[in-house]
Amino acid sequence: MYKIYKVTASPVVDYAAEELKKYLRMMMPRCGEILISYAPEAKDGFRLGLMEEFGLDTSEAEVPDLDDIIHIDADENGGIIAGNNPRSVLLAVYRYLTINGCRWLFPGVDGEFIPIKDIEPVQYHKMADSRYRGQCNEGAESQQAMLETIEFTPKLGMNTYMLEFDIPKAYYDWYYNHTYNEMNREPEPINADTVLQWKRACEAEIAKRGLQFHDIGHGWNAEAFGISSVDGWVKDESNPIPEEARQYLALINGKRDLFKGVALNTNFCMSNPEARRIVTKAVCDYAQANPHVTYLHVWLADYQKNHCECDTCRTKRPSDWYVVFLNDIDEELTKRELATRIVFCVYSDTAYEPTCEYIKNPARFTMLMGAISRSYTYSVEKDPKVGELKPFVLNKSDRLDTMEEYIVRADLWRKFAPCNSFAYEYHFWKHQFYAPGTLCFAKRVCEDVISYRDNRYNGMIQDCSQRSFFPNGFSFYCYGQKLFDHSLTYEELEKDYFTHAYGDQWELALEYLRTVDTYMPQTYMEAKHTSRIPNNFYNPAMEEKLLALVPMAKEFEEKLGNHKNMPVRVQTVAMRLLALHAQYVQGLAKAMALKSVGKDDEAKEAAAAFFAEFGKHEVAIERYYDHMLMVHAMNVIFNTKCTMDQ
């Protein structure tokens, strides 16, 4: 009989022991009961706990509660499964199971590949190559999807989960209102109280696994003044502004009002000491009431060209006033004896570096760099060079054009804020939909992990849909595995994922996706589109390739459909998703072919029909596929109806 002993008293280690028991019993379903007990002096069986309890060195971790070390030394009967913090013990359990043949290919029970086999000896030791490895909620999110992706996170070796906003109702609204799919699904409106309860449930699941919890981001700029931003980017001119608060809003074109009617996009007058005091108090009150938050994100308003134009604010860049504001927060947190870690956001207008203000206490702060307007058709080299940097002109300068400029300007930021840093990325926001073949996209994810490392970023958080697994989870699998171990190659990850997901049909699956990559390449779909100019996709040479893809995808749909029933459940799910994806590709290719030859109106009609028809499948595959986010992404190409503007 196998035994599991906990040598460290911790709720996270308790959970790790239960997970080890569950999967061992699944792997060896005739092995009998596995007993779990707390026994610090245990010498046999599986022993789970902190490395220090076993006399193991943890000095390679610079910050023990943030950096993850895994140590495994086990034979056929058990052994040591340890980490340098409780979360790392859980990560070590999943790594032990992975080395023994288990795979988590999608979130949820249908994404598990658990072989039936006896366990084998494992000797393994590694510190994760990136400190920050995770995601932030985005897209049309259901509570079920949220809970399953939190559960999924450590199984891929990731350690971080962020919940954006105090109350993330906007994201839940997109799902429960079935935005862009109302013709197929009746809306199910929810309220802010329900979402707040769900957020707390998510926080409990994050804590259960010991994950880094990153919180809030946007919203301070409105909520601190009593202005609701709970509906996100929805324009609401009737949203009441308390009269005493109007004086603190950013002055733009001579008025202090909601920016284009959107509270979330409205900045405050950062040169006004009283305005800063009000927002600083809101931040510090939240920090004091929520000590479980690992990192509190203090971002400014979303959007761009929306900063205060008053005479005093004009004397410095918004980034300089941002630093003044951050220093105010640090001073107040210090007075309250709070060790809260703060993340500031180099993004949009604040991607332009400061010129005169310096972070006074870099140890409290971490820099987030969000290159929202970058291209995803290439990764940057180490220490990229750019020509002369464009000057910043208040409320006139556009978002940065290139990844190189983001990196260079963020390096200039470091002179004023010599802090630790990580990338905030958007691969699994809109951009996953511009690479329907997925393989080139997965390669880009792998390359970007290394590119950011080479440019001194200690990991990544993805702004991403919790349903980024259509037609499979390969790109996300690459993301999690590569962040943990930079030495893994794309080729290793590709064979590992596809052989487990598709069994003996893995080469057919690869052939299909390579065909889609070739005939509907990301380099075309990911054309420069931020200006929303329809002619960006005019390319008659693409018409022949796109039309040729339609019958090829139809043929693959039939071939893949012949293998819809596989010997392993996860492979059945994977093959059926891939066959359905072949239908998706046919509809998209037909609309894109029209777009490529300038038949914009016909393309728009074809796209709308495709959205409506494919939306019928969402109920069946919603755990893997975010229909709202797909339509939102394709609106950029087809100029179809869109009510969101980020």
Foldseek 3Di string as FASTA:
>chain_A
DAEEEELDDDLQQVVLSVVLQVLQCVQAVPPDHYYYYYDNPDDFGAYFEAVVSVVDDDVVDPDQLQKKKWWFFAALRYGYTYINDSLNSSLSSLVQQVVQPWDQWAFDPLRIDRHRDRHGTDGDIDIFQFRAAAAEADAQDDLVLLLRVLVCQSSLPGFEYEYEAQQQVQNPQCNQCVPLACVQDHHDDDDRVVSNVSVVVSLVSSVSSSGQYEYYAFDLQAVLQVFDQNNPAFADQPGDGPPVCQQFWAQDPNGRGCDNRHRLQTGTQLVDVVSLVSSLVVQLVVCVVCVVHQEYEDETGDDELHGHDDPRCVVWFPLQSVLVSVLSNVVVCVVVVHLHAYEYECFWSNLQATDDAANPDLARYEYEYELPQEFLPDFDAFLDDDDDDDDDDRSPDGRDHYPNSSLVSVVVNCVRRVHAYAYEYECAFLVCLLQLLCLVSLQSLLVNLVRVVSSRHRYYYYHHHSQAAFLISLSVSSSSNCSRPVPDDSVNSLVVNQCSQAPPCSVLSNVLSVLCCVLSNSCLSRFNQPVLDQCSNAAQVSLVSLVVLQVVLVVSLVVLVVPCDDPRSSNNSSSVSSSLSSVLSNLLSVLSSCSHNPVLVVSLVSVSVSLNVSSNCCVVRVSNDRSNSNVVSCCSNNVHDDSDDD
